Structure formats: C-alpha cells, structure tokens
Amino acid sequence: MKEENKEVQGEMVKFGLKTIPAAKLALCRTDYSKYVGDLLDICFGRETLSESVLKCSKSRTSKTNVLDEGTINDIMAHVMEKFQRINIGMVRAAIRQKLNTCHKSKQRNGM
C-alpha cells in the first residue's frame, strides 16, 4: 500500500494551464459536487472564484473574470470520467454553485 501512495504522489495531473499533484486529488471529497468544488479551489483559488463567472454574455459590462475555458473543460472531462453516472449539465451546475457560494461568502465577509 505504501508503494501505491508513492506512485500517486509522483504523478501530476494537468487541468488547462495548471498542473497539480495527483496526491491533492486524493484529498478531494467523494461526492461529485464537492469534488468539483475542491478541484476549483485547487486550480483557481477562492479569491479568483469569488470574482469569476463560468461564461460571460456579450451584454455583460461588469469587470467580472471569466474562468479559463481550457481548465474548465479539463475539469469537466475529469469529473465525468471519475463519476460515470453524471453528465456535463450536472458538472456545470456544480461549478455554478461553487462560484455563487464563493461570491456570496465574499459579500458576507466583506473581502
């Protein structure tokens, strides 16, 4: 079992421009929506998530960041591979939920 942990710790997983150790993925929670939230925290950080959106409409003029599409696509593909019974709509909903939670938390805490 210790040999397995050494192998996992040595591997790196790439999400868009961000490369993270596979050991960090092992720490993510097992529910798919919480797993998505943990992955987003690792890849972007809560400060970035609190100021970002998944996609931006053309009419939007606020100074909101749009999350990197390549990283988001890699996260969605990884999550759908790991959790076979979920679809892309469910992953997008989990991402939106995490973004909304971070934004509300920032407003409440006055960050």
N, C-alpha and C. Protein backbone atom coordinates (compact mmCIF):
# COMPACT_ATOMS: atom_id res chain seq x y z
N MET A 1 0.82 -1.19 0.00
CA MET A 1 0.00 0.00 0.00
C MET A 1 0.87 1.26 0.00
N LYS A 2 1.98 1.24 0.72
CA LYS A 2 2.86 2.40 0.72
C LYS A 2 3.44 2.65 -0.66
N GLU A 3 3.69 1.58 -1.43
CA GLU A 3 4.21 1.73 -2.79
C GLU A 3 3.18 2.44 -3.67
N GLU A 4 1.90 2.10 -3.49
CA GLU A 4 0.84 2.77 -4.26
C GLU A 4 0.82 4.26 -3.97
N ASN A 5 0.93 4.64 -2.70
CA ASN A 5 0.93 6.05 -2.33
C ASN A 5 2.10 6.79 -2.94
N LYS A 6 3.27 6.16 -2.99
CA LYS A 6 4.43 6.80 -3.61
C LYS A 6 4.18 7.05 -5.09
N GLU A 7 3.54 6.09 -5.77
CA GLU A 7 3.25 6.27 -7.19
C GLU A 7 2.26 7.41 -7.41
N VAL A 8 1.23 7.47 -6.59
CA VAL A 8 0.22 8.52 -6.72
C VAL A 8 0.85 9.88 -6.45
N GLN A 9 1.72 9.96 -5.44
CA GLN A 9 2.34 11.23 -5.09
C GLN A 9 3.24 11.74 -6.20
N GLY A 10 3.86 10.85 -6.97
CA GLY A 10 4.77 11.26 -8.03
C GLY A 10 4.07 11.72 -9.29
N GLU A 11 2.81 11.37 -9.49
CA GLU A 11 2.09 11.72 -10.70
C GLU A 11 1.57 13.15 -10.63
N MET A 12 1.48 13.76 -11.80
CA MET A 12 0.91 15.10 -11.91
C MET A 12 -0.27 15.04 -12.87
N VAL A 13 -1.30 15.83 -12.60
CA VAL A 13 -2.48 15.88 -13.44
C VAL A 13 -2.62 17.31 -13.95
N LYS A 14 -2.85 17.44 -15.26
CA LYS A 14 -2.92 18.76 -15.86
C LYS A 14 -4.37 19.15 -16.12
N PHE A 15 -4.73 20.35 -15.69
CA PHE A 15 -6.04 20.94 -15.94
C PHE A 15 -5.79 22.28 -16.62
N GLY A 16 -5.91 22.31 -17.94
CA GLY A 16 -5.62 23.53 -18.68
C GLY A 16 -4.17 23.92 -18.50
N LEU A 17 -3.93 25.11 -17.98
CA LEU A 17 -2.57 25.59 -17.77
C LEU A 17 -2.01 25.17 -16.41
N LYS A 18 -2.86 24.67 -15.55
CA LYS A 18 -2.48 24.33 -14.18
C LYS A 18 -2.15 22.84 -14.06
N THR A 19 -1.03 22.51 -13.46
CA THR A 19 -0.64 21.13 -13.20
C THR A 19 -0.60 20.94 -11.69
N ILE A 20 -1.32 19.92 -11.23
CA ILE A 20 -1.37 19.67 -9.78
C ILE A 20 -0.96 18.24 -9.49
N PRO A 21 -0.42 18.00 -8.30
CA PRO A 21 -0.04 16.63 -7.93
C PRO A 21 -1.28 15.75 -7.76
N ALA A 22 -1.18 14.51 -8.19
CA ALA A 22 -2.30 13.57 -8.04
C ALA A 22 -2.63 13.35 -6.57
N ALA A 23 -1.67 13.55 -5.70
CA ALA A 23 -1.92 13.39 -4.26
C ALA A 23 -2.97 14.38 -3.77
N LYS A 24 -3.01 15.59 -4.35
CA LYS A 24 -4.03 16.57 -3.96
C LYS A 24 -5.42 16.09 -4.38
N LEU A 25 -5.50 15.41 -5.54
CA LEU A 25 -6.79 14.88 -5.97
C LEU A 25 -7.30 13.82 -5.00
N ALA A 26 -6.38 13.08 -4.42
CA ALA A 26 -6.77 12.05 -3.46
C ALA A 26 -7.41 12.65 -2.21
N LEU A 27 -7.14 13.93 -1.95
CA LEU A 27 -7.70 14.59 -0.77
C LEU A 27 -9.10 15.17 -1.03
N CYS A 28 -9.51 15.24 -2.29
CA CYS A 28 -10.83 15.78 -2.64
C CYS A 28 -11.92 14.85 -2.13
N ARG A 29 -13.05 15.44 -1.77
CA ARG A 29 -14.17 14.67 -1.23
C ARG A 29 -14.81 13.79 -2.30
N THR A 30 -15.59 12.79 -1.88
CA THR A 30 -16.09 11.77 -2.80
C THR A 30 -17.42 12.10 -3.46
N ASP A 31 -18.17 13.04 -2.97
CA ASP A 31 -19.40 13.47 -3.64
C ASP A 31 -19.00 14.32 -4.85
N TYR A 32 -19.61 14.08 -6.01
CA TYR A 32 -19.13 14.75 -7.23
C TYR A 32 -19.20 16.27 -7.13
N SER A 33 -20.24 16.83 -6.54
CA SER A 33 -20.35 18.28 -6.48
C SER A 33 -19.29 18.87 -5.55
N LYS A 34 -19.00 18.19 -4.45
CA LYS A 34 -17.95 18.64 -3.55
C LYS A 34 -16.58 18.43 -4.18
N TYR A 35 -16.44 17.36 -4.95
CA TYR A 35 -15.20 17.09 -5.67
C TYR A 35 -14.92 18.22 -6.66
N VAL A 36 -15.96 18.66 -7.38
CA VAL A 36 -15.82 19.78 -8.31
C VAL A 36 -15.39 21.03 -7.57
N GLY A 37 -16.02 21.31 -6.44
CA GLY A 37 -15.67 22.48 -5.65
C GLY A 37 -14.23 22.44 -5.16
N ASP A 38 -13.80 21.27 -4.70
CA ASP A 38 -12.42 21.12 -4.24
C ASP A 38 -11.43 21.34 -5.39
N LEU A 39 -11.75 20.79 -6.55
CA LEU A 39 -10.90 20.96 -7.73
C LEU A 39 -10.80 22.43 -8.14
N LEU A 40 -11.93 23.11 -8.12
CA LEU A 40 -11.93 24.54 -8.46
C LEU A 40 -11.07 25.34 -7.48
N ASP A 41 -11.17 25.01 -6.19
CA ASP A 41 -10.34 25.68 -5.18
C ASP A 41 -8.86 25.47 -5.47
N ILE A 42 -8.50 24.24 -5.83
CA ILE A 42 -7.10 23.92 -6.10
C ILE A 42 -6.61 24.66 -7.34
N CYS A 43 -7.41 24.64 -8.39
CA CYS A 43 -6.98 25.20 -9.68
C CYS A 43 -7.02 26.73 -9.73
N PHE A 44 -8.01 27.34 -9.09
CA PHE A 44 -8.18 28.78 -9.23
C PHE A 44 -7.99 29.56 -7.94
N GLY A 45 -8.34 28.99 -6.81
CA GLY A 45 -8.30 29.72 -5.54
C GLY A 45 -9.62 30.42 -5.29
N ARG A 46 -9.98 30.58 -4.04
CA ARG A 46 -11.29 31.15 -3.70
C ARG A 46 -11.43 32.61 -4.09
N GLU A 47 -10.37 33.36 -3.99
CA GLU A 47 -10.44 34.79 -4.36
C GLU A 47 -10.82 34.94 -5.82
N THR A 48 -10.18 34.18 -6.69
CA THR A 48 -10.49 34.22 -8.12
C THR A 48 -11.91 33.73 -8.37
N LEU A 49 -12.31 32.66 -7.69
CA LEU A 49 -13.66 32.12 -7.89
C LEU A 49 -14.73 33.12 -7.47
N SER A 50 -14.45 33.90 -6.42
CA SER A 50 -15.46 34.84 -5.93
C SER A 50 -15.69 35.99 -6.91
N GLU A 51 -14.76 36.21 -7.83
CA GLU A 51 -14.87 37.32 -8.78
C GLU A 51 -15.10 36.83 -10.21
N SER A 52 -15.39 35.55 -10.40
CA SER A 52 -15.45 34.98 -11.74
C SER A 52 -16.81 34.39 -12.08
N VAL A 53 -17.00 34.17 -13.38
CA VAL A 53 -18.20 33.51 -13.88
C VAL A 53 -17.76 32.38 -14.81
N LEU A 54 -18.68 31.46 -15.08
CA LEU A 54 -18.39 30.34 -15.96
C LEU A 54 -18.31 30.80 -17.41
N LYS A 55 -19.32 31.53 -17.83
CA LYS A 55 -19.34 32.12 -19.17
C LYS A 55 -19.88 33.52 -19.05
N CYS A 56 -19.50 34.39 -19.97
CA CYS A 56 -19.93 35.77 -19.91
C CYS A 56 -20.78 36.09 -21.13
N SER A 57 -21.95 36.68 -20.90
CA SER A 57 -22.78 37.08 -22.02
C SER A 57 -22.22 38.36 -22.63
N LYS A 58 -22.51 38.59 -23.89
CA LYS A 58 -21.98 39.76 -24.59
C LYS A 58 -22.49 41.07 -24.00
N SER A 59 -23.68 41.04 -23.41
CA SER A 59 -24.26 42.27 -22.87
C SER A 59 -23.70 42.64 -21.50
N ARG A 60 -22.97 41.74 -20.90
CA ARG A 60 -22.42 42.00 -19.56
C ARG A 60 -21.26 42.98 -19.65
N THR A 61 -21.31 44.03 -18.87
CA THR A 61 -20.27 45.05 -18.93
C THR A 61 -19.48 45.17 -17.63
N SER A 62 -19.83 44.39 -16.62
CA SER A 62 -19.11 44.49 -15.35
C SER A 62 -17.69 43.94 -15.49
N LYS A 63 -16.89 44.22 -14.50
CA LYS A 63 -15.49 43.78 -14.52
C LYS A 63 -15.37 42.38 -13.93
N THR A 64 -16.12 41.43 -14.46
CA THR A 64 -16.12 40.07 -13.97
C THR A 64 -15.16 39.23 -14.81
N ASN A 65 -14.39 38.39 -14.14
CA ASN A 65 -13.47 37.49 -14.83
C ASN A 65 -14.22 36.26 -15.33
N VAL A 66 -13.81 35.76 -16.48
CA VAL A 66 -14.34 34.50 -17.00
C VAL A 66 -13.27 33.45 -16.77
N LEU A 67 -13.66 32.33 -16.15
CA LEU A 67 -12.69 31.27 -15.87
C LEU A 67 -12.12 30.71 -17.17
N ASP A 68 -10.85 30.29 -17.13
CA ASP A 68 -10.17 29.75 -18.29
C ASP A 68 -10.94 28.54 -18.84
N GLU A 69 -11.34 28.64 -20.11
CA GLU A 69 -12.18 27.61 -20.73
C GLU A 69 -11.46 26.26 -20.81
N GLY A 70 -10.17 26.27 -21.10
CA GLY A 70 -9.41 25.03 -21.19
C GLY A 70 -9.37 24.29 -19.87
N THR A 71 -9.14 25.02 -18.80
CA THR A 71 -9.10 24.42 -17.47
C THR A 71 -10.47 23.87 -17.09
N ILE A 72 -11.52 24.64 -17.37
CA ILE A 72 -12.88 24.19 -17.05
C ILE A 72 -13.23 22.93 -17.85
N ASN A 73 -12.89 22.91 -19.13
CA ASN A 73 -13.16 21.72 -19.95
C ASN A 73 -12.43 20.50 -19.43
N ASP A 74 -11.17 20.68 -19.02
CA ASP A 74 -10.41 19.56 -18.47
C ASP A 74 -11.01 19.07 -17.15
N ILE A 75 -11.45 20.00 -16.31
CA ILE A 75 -12.09 19.62 -15.05
C ILE A 75 -13.37 18.84 -15.33
N MET A 76 -14.19 19.34 -16.26
CA MET A 76 -15.45 18.65 -16.58
C MET A 76 -15.19 17.24 -17.11
N ALA A 77 -14.21 17.10 -18.00
CA ALA A 77 -13.88 15.79 -18.56
C ALA A 77 -13.38 14.84 -17.46
N HIS A 78 -12.54 15.35 -16.58
CA HIS A 78 -12.00 14.53 -15.49
C HIS A 78 -13.12 14.06 -14.55
N VAL A 79 -14.00 14.96 -14.19
CA VAL A 79 -15.08 14.62 -13.25
C VAL A 79 -16.04 13.62 -13.89
N MET A 80 -16.37 13.80 -15.17
CA MET A 80 -17.29 12.86 -15.83
C MET A 80 -16.64 11.49 -15.99
N GLU A 81 -15.33 11.44 -16.13
CA GLU A 81 -14.63 10.16 -16.21
C GLU A 81 -14.60 9.47 -14.86
N LYS A 82 -14.36 10.25 -13.81
CA LYS A 82 -14.28 9.70 -12.46
C LYS A 82 -15.65 9.24 -11.95
N PHE A 83 -16.67 10.05 -12.18
CA PHE A 83 -18.03 9.73 -11.73
C PHE A 83 -18.86 9.40 -12.98
N GLN A 84 -18.93 8.16 -13.33
CA GLN A 84 -19.52 7.70 -14.59
C GLN A 84 -21.00 8.07 -14.77
N ARG A 85 -21.73 8.23 -13.71
CA ARG A 85 -23.18 8.42 -13.82
C ARG A 85 -23.62 9.87 -13.95
N ILE A 86 -22.72 10.80 -14.02
CA ILE A 86 -23.12 12.20 -14.13
C ILE A 86 -22.88 12.71 -15.54
N ASN A 87 -23.60 13.77 -15.90
CA ASN A 87 -23.44 14.35 -17.24
C ASN A 87 -22.87 15.76 -17.13
N ILE A 88 -22.63 16.36 -18.28
CA ILE A 88 -21.98 17.67 -18.33
C ILE A 88 -22.84 18.75 -17.67
N GLY A 89 -24.15 18.63 -17.78
CA GLY A 89 -25.05 19.60 -17.15
C GLY A 89 -24.92 19.59 -15.64
N MET A 90 -24.75 18.42 -15.08
CA MET A 90 -24.60 18.30 -13.64
C MET A 90 -23.28 18.91 -13.18
N VAL A 91 -22.22 18.73 -13.97
CA VAL A 91 -20.92 19.31 -13.62
C VAL A 91 -20.98 20.83 -13.72
N ARG A 92 -21.60 21.35 -14.78
CA ARG A 92 -21.74 22.81 -14.93
C ARG A 92 -22.53 23.40 -13.76
N ALA A 93 -23.57 22.70 -13.35
CA ALA A 93 -24.37 23.17 -12.22
C ALA A 93 -23.53 23.21 -10.94
N ALA A 94 -22.68 22.20 -10.74
CA ALA A 94 -21.82 22.18 -9.56
C ALA A 94 -20.80 23.33 -9.61
N ILE A 95 -20.30 23.64 -10.81
CA ILE A 95 -19.36 24.76 -10.96
C ILE A 95 -20.06 26.08 -10.64
N ARG A 96 -21.26 26.26 -11.20
CA ARG A 96 -22.02 27.49 -10.93
C ARG A 96 -22.33 27.63 -9.44
N GLN A 97 -22.69 26.52 -8.82
CA GLN A 97 -22.99 26.54 -7.39
C GLN A 97 -21.76 26.97 -6.59
N LYS A 98 -20.60 26.47 -6.93
CA LYS A 98 -19.37 26.84 -6.23
C LYS A 98 -19.06 28.32 -6.44
N LEU A 99 -19.22 28.81 -7.67
CA LEU A 99 -18.98 30.22 -7.94
C LEU A 99 -19.92 31.11 -7.15
N ASN A 100 -21.20 30.73 -7.11
CA ASN A 100 -22.18 31.51 -6.35
C ASN A 100 -21.87 31.50 -4.85
N THR A 101 -21.48 30.36 -4.33
CA THR A 101 -21.14 30.25 -2.91
C THR A 101 -19.95 31.13 -2.57
N CYS A 102 -18.92 31.10 -3.41
CA CYS A 102 -17.73 31.93 -3.16
C CYS A 102 -18.07 33.41 -3.23
N HIS A 103 -18.91 33.79 -4.20
CA HIS A 103 -19.29 35.19 -4.35
C HIS A 103 -20.09 35.67 -3.14
N LYS A 104 -21.06 34.85 -2.69
CA LYS A 104 -21.86 35.22 -1.53
C LYS A 104 -21.01 35.29 -0.27
N SER A 105 -20.08 34.36 -0.14
CA SER A 105 -19.20 34.36 1.02
C SER A 105 -18.34 35.61 1.05
N LYS A 106 -17.86 36.04 -0.10
CA LYS A 106 -17.05 37.25 -0.18
C LYS A 106 -17.88 38.48 0.22
N GLN A 107 -19.14 38.53 -0.24
CA GLN A 107 -20.00 39.66 0.11
C GLN A 107 -20.28 39.69 1.61
N ARG A 108 -20.54 38.52 2.20
CA ARG A 108 -20.84 38.45 3.62
C ARG A 108 -19.64 38.84 4.47
N ASN A 109 -18.47 38.41 4.06
CA ASN A 109 -17.25 38.65 4.86
C ASN A 109 -16.58 39.97 4.53
N GLY A 110 -17.06 40.66 3.51
CA GLY A 110 -16.50 41.95 3.16
C GLY A 110 -15.08 41.88 2.65
N MET A 111 -14.74 40.80 1.96
CA MET A 111 -13.38 40.65 1.45
C MET A 111 -13.06 41.66 0.38
